[in-house]
């Protein structure tokens, strides 16, 4: 276990933002967790950040503590039952490569989540989702270590307290638990989710299977979202906001084209991208910070933006949408260093 000082994080976050960690190490062996906890116990004043693929972080400054990049990449097919196949994946596996690996093994269930950036361990923190599927729909359990005392615990789906782009790991007890692995329950009898109009159109006339749906999802995402290797971004930057039924009726009367999806609790989810577009932010640029020309929900680094500049740009969007619609947008990425 090699702990480095003053480590450059620019290549380790998908925005490609300049930032440095006071201390940095990679964790690729479960046995090193004890040594790492011992090291941190000797430096209790230092904050700690677990890093996956860096695709859901916005560094607005340097990190004054220890950054641990998780690279636990085990893969194991477990004994299944009459309804499900079970797979355990180490937290450091690249998410998209893992999805494609499951398809290569003949499994279905994760195809709609193809090409989402990040790692397996970060997926339950955010409860990632796309095209009608969320991670919680196919998760069996999460294994994590309590960084306070070293206890290893298995979390059931219910224990994770999943919400919309949220979990207990993210908002209830951030930085307490280091996710080691995730076990997935993939149905033996696939239940294809193809209700989204764009996806349904691409799949029209095709015999459905996991690979065909995955390829369609990949094509859709590439047509709408920029490749972080080409232009820095963290995917969708804002959550789709929820409003009450009463507020929705008022907004819809004033904005007939405003999209909305009724929720089980009686509220309505609307489109953050639509709201941002209506406020004139799509394709806008301030210095090297901006929104993607094809998707107003995606903030980008055109090359040399700082995290502070991207965050300032994001705050301008939040204020603009709040003023026009009375809705306060919430960012999906975690803001680090400010």
Protein backbone atom coordinates (compact mmCIF):
# COMPACT_ATOMS: atom_id res chain seq x y z
CA UNK A 1 0.00 0.00 0.00
CA UNK A 2 1.69 3.16 -1.25
CA UNK A 3 0.41 6.48 0.11
CA UNK A 4 1.46 9.37 -2.11
CA UNK A 5 1.49 13.08 -1.30
CA UNK A 6 0.19 16.01 -3.38
CA UNK A 7 -1.39 13.69 -5.95
CA UNK A 8 -2.88 15.08 -9.18
CA UNK A 9 -6.59 14.18 -9.53
CA UNK A 10 -7.25 15.73 -12.94
CA UNK A 11 -7.23 12.40 -14.79
CA UNK A 12 -9.30 10.76 -12.04
CA UNK A 13 -12.45 12.86 -12.42
CA UNK A 14 -14.60 12.77 -15.55
CA UNK A 15 -14.90 16.58 -15.66
CA UNK A 16 -11.11 16.70 -16.09
CA UNK A 17 -10.92 19.46 -13.48
CA UNK A 18 -7.64 20.48 -11.84
CA UNK A 19 -7.41 19.30 -8.25
CA UNK A 20 -4.87 17.67 -5.98
CA UNK A 21 -5.14 15.37 -2.98
CA UNK A 22 -2.91 15.97 0.01
CA UNK A 23 -2.61 12.18 0.30
CA UNK A 24 -3.65 9.46 -2.15
CA UNK A 25 -3.57 5.68 -2.44
CA UNK A 26 -5.22 2.89 -4.39
CA UNK A 27 -7.04 0.02 -2.69
CA UNK A 28 -6.80 -3.15 -4.78
CA UNK A 29 -6.54 -5.73 -1.99
CA UNK A 30 -9.13 -6.28 0.75
CA UNK A 31 -6.32 -7.06 3.15
CA UNK A 32 -5.09 -3.48 2.90
CA UNK A 33 -8.24 -2.02 4.46
CA UNK A 34 -6.92 -2.74 7.97
CA UNK A 35 -3.57 -1.08 7.23
CA UNK A 36 -5.35 1.87 5.66
CA UNK A 37 -7.62 2.33 8.67
CA UNK A 38 -4.59 2.14 10.95
CA UNK A 39 -2.86 4.85 8.91
CA UNK A 40 -5.88 7.11 9.09
CA UNK A 41 -6.23 6.53 12.84
CA UNK A 42 -2.78 8.10 13.14
CA UNK A 43 -4.05 11.14 11.16
CA UNK A 44 -7.55 11.71 12.61
CA UNK A 45 -7.59 15.34 11.52
CA UNK A 46 -7.62 14.40 7.83
CA UNK A 47 -10.90 14.06 5.89
CA UNK A 48 -11.37 10.94 3.77
CA UNK A 49 -12.76 10.50 0.27
CA UNK A 50 -13.41 7.16 -1.44
CA UNK A 51 -13.06 7.51 -5.21
CA UNK A 52 -14.51 5.23 -7.88
CA UNK A 53 -14.51 6.38 -11.49
CA UNK A 54 -14.74 10.06 -10.53
CA UNK A 55 -17.86 10.44 -12.67
CA UNK A 56 -20.12 11.87 -9.97
CA UNK A 57 -17.81 14.41 -8.37
CA UNK A 58 -17.21 18.11 -8.88
CA UNK A 59 -13.87 19.21 -7.44
CA UNK A 60 -14.12 22.93 -6.74
CA UNK A 61 -10.73 22.91 -5.03
CA UNK A 62 -8.00 20.64 -3.72
CA UNK A 63 -8.84 17.89 -1.23
CA UNK A 64 -7.05 18.43 2.10
CA UNK A 65 -7.14 14.81 3.25
CA UNK A 66 -6.75 11.24 1.98
CA UNK A 67 -8.29 10.12 -1.32
CA UNK A 68 -8.63 6.35 -1.68
CA UNK A 69 -9.25 5.06 -5.19
CA UNK A 70 -11.09 1.74 -4.95
CA UNK A 71 -9.87 -0.89 -7.42
CA UNK A 72 -11.39 -4.10 -6.04
CA UNK A 73 -12.23 -5.93 -9.28
CA UNK A 74 -13.34 -9.45 -8.36
CA UNK A 75 -16.19 -11.14 -10.29
CA UNK A 76 -18.05 -14.22 -9.07
CA UNK A 77 -21.09 -16.10 -10.37
CA UNK A 78 -22.91 -17.44 -7.30
CA UNK A 79 -25.37 -20.29 -6.99
CA UNK A 80 -28.76 -19.21 -8.31
CA UNK A 81 -32.29 -20.29 -7.59
CA UNK A 82 -35.41 -20.93 -9.66
CA UNK A 83 -36.01 -17.21 -10.23
CA UNK A 84 -32.65 -15.46 -10.25
CA UNK A 85 -29.01 -15.69 -11.22
CA UNK A 86 -26.73 -14.13 -8.61
CA UNK A 87 -23.46 -12.31 -9.38
CA UNK A 88 -21.07 -10.64 -6.95
CA UNK A 89 -18.86 -7.89 -8.34
CA UNK A 90 -16.04 -6.04 -6.64
CA UNK A 91 -16.61 -2.32 -6.13
CA UNK A 92 -13.75 -1.27 -8.39
CA UNK A 93 -15.10 -2.86 -11.57
CA UNK A 94 -15.90 -0.41 -14.35
CA UNK A 95 -19.71 -0.32 -14.49
CA UNK A 96 -20.22 -0.50 -18.26
CA UNK A 97 -17.66 -3.26 -18.72
CA UNK A 98 -19.40 -5.18 -15.94
CA UNK A 99 -22.80 -4.80 -17.63
CA UNK A 100 -21.39 -6.06 -20.93
CA UNK A 101 -19.70 -8.96 -19.11
CA UNK A 102 -23.05 -10.06 -17.65
CA UNK A 103 -24.54 -10.02 -21.13
CA UNK A 104 -21.60 -12.08 -22.45
CA UNK A 105 -22.37 -14.64 -19.71
CA UNK A 106 -25.95 -14.91 -20.98
CA UNK A 107 -27.59 -12.87 -18.19
CA UNK A 108 -30.24 -10.18 -18.55
CA UNK A 109 -31.42 -7.38 -16.29
CA UNK A 110 -28.75 -4.67 -16.55
CA UNK A 111 -28.96 -3.90 -20.27
CA UNK A 112 -30.85 -0.60 -19.80
CA UNK A 113 -28.01 0.64 -17.60
CA UNK A 114 -25.36 0.27 -20.32
CA UNK A 115 -22.73 3.00 -20.81
CA UNK A 116 -23.40 4.74 -17.49
CA UNK A 117 -19.99 5.99 -16.33
CA UNK A 118 -18.49 5.03 -12.98
CA UNK A 119 -17.82 1.88 -11.00
CA UNK A 120 -19.86 -0.92 -9.47
CA UNK A 121 -19.25 0.41 -5.97
CA UNK A 122 -20.50 3.88 -6.85
CA UNK A 123 -23.68 2.56 -8.48
CA UNK A 124 -25.65 1.86 -5.27
CA UNK A 125 -24.54 5.13 -3.67
CA UNK A 126 -26.30 7.02 -6.45
CA UNK A 127 -28.95 4.39 -7.21
CA UNK A 128 -28.11 4.90 -10.87
CA UNK A 129 -30.92 4.61 -13.36
CA UNK A 130 -31.80 4.95 -17.04
CA UNK A 131 -34.60 4.06 -19.44
CA UNK A 132 -37.03 2.82 -16.82
CA UNK A 133 -34.58 0.76 -14.73
CA UNK A 134 -32.86 1.69 -11.45
CA UNK A 135 -30.08 -0.18 -9.72
CA UNK A 136 -32.36 -1.12 -6.82
CA UNK A 137 -34.47 -3.17 -9.26
CA UNK A 138 -31.66 -5.69 -9.73
CA UNK A 139 -29.70 -5.46 -6.48
CA UNK A 140 -29.61 -8.26 -3.92
CA UNK A 141 -27.17 -6.88 -1.35
CA UNK A 142 -24.19 -4.61 -0.72
CA UNK A 143 -21.14 -5.60 1.31
CA UNK A 144 -19.36 -2.69 3.01
CA UNK A 145 -16.90 -2.01 5.80
CA UNK A 146 -17.70 0.49 8.55
CA UNK A 147 -14.72 2.83 8.49
CA UNK A 148 -15.25 3.74 12.15
CA UNK A 149 -14.61 0.27 13.57
CA UNK A 150 -13.72 -2.08 10.70
CA UNK A 151 -16.94 -4.11 10.90
CA UNK A 152 -17.98 -5.74 7.61
CA UNK A 153 -21.73 -5.74 7.02
CA UNK A 154 -24.08 -6.99 4.31
CA UNK A 155 -26.88 -4.54 3.46
CA UNK A 156 -30.15 -5.79 2.01
CA UNK A 157 -31.99 -3.73 -0.60
CA UNK A 158 -34.18 -2.31 2.17
CA UNK A 159 -31.17 -1.47 4.35
CA UNK A 160 -29.76 0.71 1.57
CA UNK A 161 -32.78 3.07 1.78
CA UNK A 162 -32.75 3.78 -1.90
CA UNK A 163 -34.39 6.90 -3.28
CA UNK A 164 -34.26 8.83 -6.52
CA UNK A 165 -30.50 9.06 -7.21
CA UNK A 166 -29.96 8.54 -3.51
CA UNK A 167 -29.15 5.96 -0.83
CA UNK A 168 -28.14 5.82 2.82
CA UNK A 169 -24.51 5.61 1.68
CA UNK A 170 -24.80 8.97 -0.06
CA UNK A 171 -27.00 11.19 2.08
CA UNK A 172 -27.60 9.51 5.46
CA UNK A 173 -24.09 8.38 6.41
CA UNK A 174 -21.67 9.72 3.78
CA UNK A 175 -18.07 8.49 4.07
CA UNK A 176 -18.89 6.06 6.89
CA UNK A 177 -19.14 2.94 4.71
CA UNK A 178 -16.64 1.75 2.12
CA UNK A 179 -18.50 -0.45 -0.37
CA UNK A 180 -16.48 -3.60 -1.09
CA UNK A 181 -18.80 -5.52 -3.43
CA UNK A 182 -22.33 -5.64 -4.77
CA UNK A 183 -24.44 -8.78 -5.33
CA UNK A 184 -26.97 -8.63 -8.15
CA UNK A 185 -30.14 -10.69 -8.65
CA UNK A 186 -30.72 -11.04 -12.40
CA UNK A 187 -34.01 -12.67 -13.49
CA UNK A 188 -33.97 -16.00 -15.26
CA UNK A 189 -37.07 -14.87 -17.15
CA UNK A 190 -36.19 -11.43 -18.57
CA UNK A 191 -38.67 -8.57 -18.27
CA UNK A 192 -37.66 -6.15 -20.99
CA UNK A 193 -38.14 -2.42 -20.29
CA UNK A 194 -38.57 -0.64 -23.61
CA UNK A 195 -41.30 1.90 -22.87
CA UNK A 196 -39.22 5.01 -23.53
CA UNK A 197 -40.18 6.42 -26.92
CA UNK A 198 -36.64 6.78 -28.32
CA UNK A 199 -35.69 3.29 -27.19
CA UNK A 200 -38.90 1.76 -28.48
CA UNK A 201 -38.31 3.38 -31.87
CA UNK A 202 -34.78 2.00 -32.16
CA UNK A 203 -35.95 -1.49 -31.24
CA UNK A 204 -38.99 -1.58 -33.52
CA UNK A 205 -39.08 -4.79 -35.55
CA UNK A 206 -36.13 -6.39 -33.73
CA UNK A 207 -36.16 -9.61 -31.75
CA UNK A 208 -35.45 -8.52 -28.19
CA UNK A 209 -32.60 -9.80 -26.08
CA UNK A 210 -30.20 -8.20 -23.61
CA UNK A 211 -27.50 -7.51 -26.19
CA UNK A 212 -29.88 -5.89 -28.68
CA UNK A 213 -31.34 -3.62 -26.00
CA UNK A 214 -27.88 -2.78 -24.66
CA UNK A 215 -26.70 -1.76 -28.13
CA UNK A 216 -29.76 0.46 -28.57
CA UNK A 217 -29.18 2.12 -25.19
CA UNK A 218 -25.51 2.70 -26.07
CA UNK A 219 -26.51 4.30 -29.38
CA UNK A 220 -29.02 6.57 -27.65
CA UNK A 221 -26.62 7.69 -24.95
CA UNK A 222 -23.88 8.40 -27.48
CA UNK A 223 -26.28 10.47 -29.58
CA UNK A 224 -27.25 12.67 -26.62
CA UNK A 225 -24.35 12.70 -24.17
CA UNK A 226 -20.73 13.73 -24.73
CA UNK A 227 -17.87 11.28 -24.22
CA UNK A 228 -15.88 12.39 -21.13
CA UNK A 229 -12.71 11.41 -23.00
CA UNK A 230 -13.53 14.10 -25.55
CA UNK A 231 -15.15 16.78 -23.40
CA UNK A 232 -15.18 16.76 -19.61
CA UNK A 233 -18.56 16.12 -18.00
CA UNK A 234 -20.33 14.11 -15.30
CA UNK A 235 -23.42 13.14 -17.30
CA UNK A 236 -26.70 14.60 -16.10
CA UNK A 237 -25.78 17.32 -13.63
CA UNK A 238 -29.17 17.96 -12.03
CA UNK A 239 -31.84 15.66 -10.64
CA UNK A 240 -35.28 15.79 -12.23
CA UNK A 241 -37.23 17.75 -9.61
CA UNK A 242 -40.37 16.62 -7.80
CA UNK A 243 -43.25 19.05 -7.26
CA UNK A 244 -46.55 18.77 -5.45
CA UNK A 245 -49.74 18.07 -7.39
CA UNK A 246 -50.94 21.61 -6.64
CA UNK A 247 -47.73 23.24 -7.83
CA UNK A 248 -47.78 21.04 -10.93
CA UNK A 249 -51.29 22.16 -11.87
CA UNK A 250 -50.25 25.81 -11.59
CA UNK A 251 -47.06 25.28 -13.61
CA UNK A 252 -48.81 23.22 -16.27
CA UNK A 253 -51.50 25.86 -16.75
CA UNK A 254 -48.80 28.46 -17.40
CA UNK A 255 -46.56 26.12 -19.42
CA UNK A 256 -48.72 23.63 -21.41
CA UNK A 257 -45.69 21.92 -22.98
CA UNK A 258 -44.06 21.19 -19.62
CA UNK A 259 -43.44 17.42 -19.27
CA UNK A 260 -44.45 15.59 -16.10
CA UNK A 261 -44.71 12.08 -14.70
CA UNK A 262 -47.08 11.35 -11.78
CA UNK A 263 -45.44 9.64 -8.80
CA UNK A 264 -46.85 7.09 -6.32
CA UNK A 265 -46.83 9.68 -3.51
CA UNK A 266 -49.14 11.97 -5.48
CA UNK A 267 -46.43 14.37 -6.59
CA UNK A 268 -45.14 14.91 -10.10
CA UNK A 269 -41.62 14.56 -11.48
CA UNK A 270 -40.71 17.02 -14.21
CA UNK A 271 -37.72 17.42 -16.52
CA UNK A 272 -34.75 19.42 -15.29
CA UNK A 273 -33.41 19.51 -18.85
CA UNK A 274 -36.65 21.08 -20.12
CA UNK A 275 -36.60 23.71 -17.37
CA UNK A 276 -32.99 24.62 -18.09
CA UNK A 277 -33.65 24.77 -21.84
CA UNK A 278 -36.61 27.09 -21.31
CA UNK A 279 -34.36 29.45 -19.39
CA UNK A 280 -31.99 29.70 -22.34
CA UNK A 281 -29.02 27.76 -20.96
CA UNK A 282 -28.72 24.99 -23.56
CA UNK A 283 -25.40 25.33 -25.38
CA UNK A 284 -24.46 28.39 -23.34
CA UNK A 285 -20.85 28.94 -22.39
CA UNK A 286 -19.02 31.14 -19.90
CA UNK A 287 -15.30 30.78 -20.39
CA UNK A 288 -14.67 27.03 -20.57
CA UNK A 289 -17.68 26.10 -18.43
CA UNK A 290 -20.96 25.49 -20.20
CA UNK A 291 -23.86 23.23 -21.08
CA UNK A 292 -23.70 20.66 -23.85
CA UNK A 293 -25.16 21.82 -27.15
CA UNK A 294 -27.31 18.67 -27.49
CA UNK A 295 -28.51 18.35 -23.90
CA UNK A 296 -29.19 21.17 -21.46
CA UNK A 297 -28.88 18.84 -18.46
CA UNK A 298 -25.19 18.15 -19.09
CA UNK A 299 -22.60 20.61 -17.82
CA UNK A 300 -19.24 20.45 -19.56
CA UNK A 301 -15.64 21.55 -19.26
CA UNK A 302 -14.57 22.78 -22.70
CA UNK A 303 -10.94 22.35 -21.74
CA UNK A 304 -9.53 24.58 -19.05
CA UNK A 305 -12.40 25.34 -16.69
CA UNK A 306 -11.83 25.12 -12.96
CA UNK A 307 -14.27 23.39 -10.64
CA UNK A 308 -15.13 26.74 -9.10
CA UNK A 309 -16.07 28.07 -12.56
CA UNK A 310 -18.27 25.05 -13.32
CA UNK A 311 -19.95 25.38 -9.91
CA UNK A 312 -20.53 29.10 -10.44
CA UNK A 313 -22.10 28.32 -13.82
CA UNK A 314 -24.31 25.67 -12.18
CA UNK A 315 -25.44 28.13 -9.53
CA UNK A 316 -26.46 30.54 -12.28
CA UNK A 317 -28.70 27.83 -13.74
CA UNK A 318 -30.19 27.06 -10.32
CA UNK A 319 -31.02 30.73 -9.71
CA UNK A 320 -32.51 31.16 -13.19
CA UNK A 321 -34.83 28.13 -12.91
CA UNK A 322 -35.82 29.13 -9.37
CA UNK A 323 -36.73 32.64 -10.48
CA UNK A 324 -38.81 31.57 -13.48
CA UNK A 325 -40.50 28.38 -12.24
CA UNK A 326 -40.18 28.46 -8.46
CA UNK A 327 -38.30 25.14 -8.55
CA UNK A 328 -34.88 24.69 -6.98
CA UNK A 329 -32.72 22.22 -8.86
CA UNK A 330 -30.45 19.83 -6.97
CA UNK A 331 -27.10 18.73 -8.42
CA UNK A 332 -26.44 15.01 -8.83
CA UNK A 333 -22.63 15.18 -8.43
CA UNK A 334 -21.11 15.57 -5.03
CA UNK A 335 -19.32 18.91 -4.68
CA UNK A 336 -15.86 18.40 -3.16
CA UNK A 337 -13.34 20.88 -1.83
CA UNK A 338 -15.36 24.05 -1.47
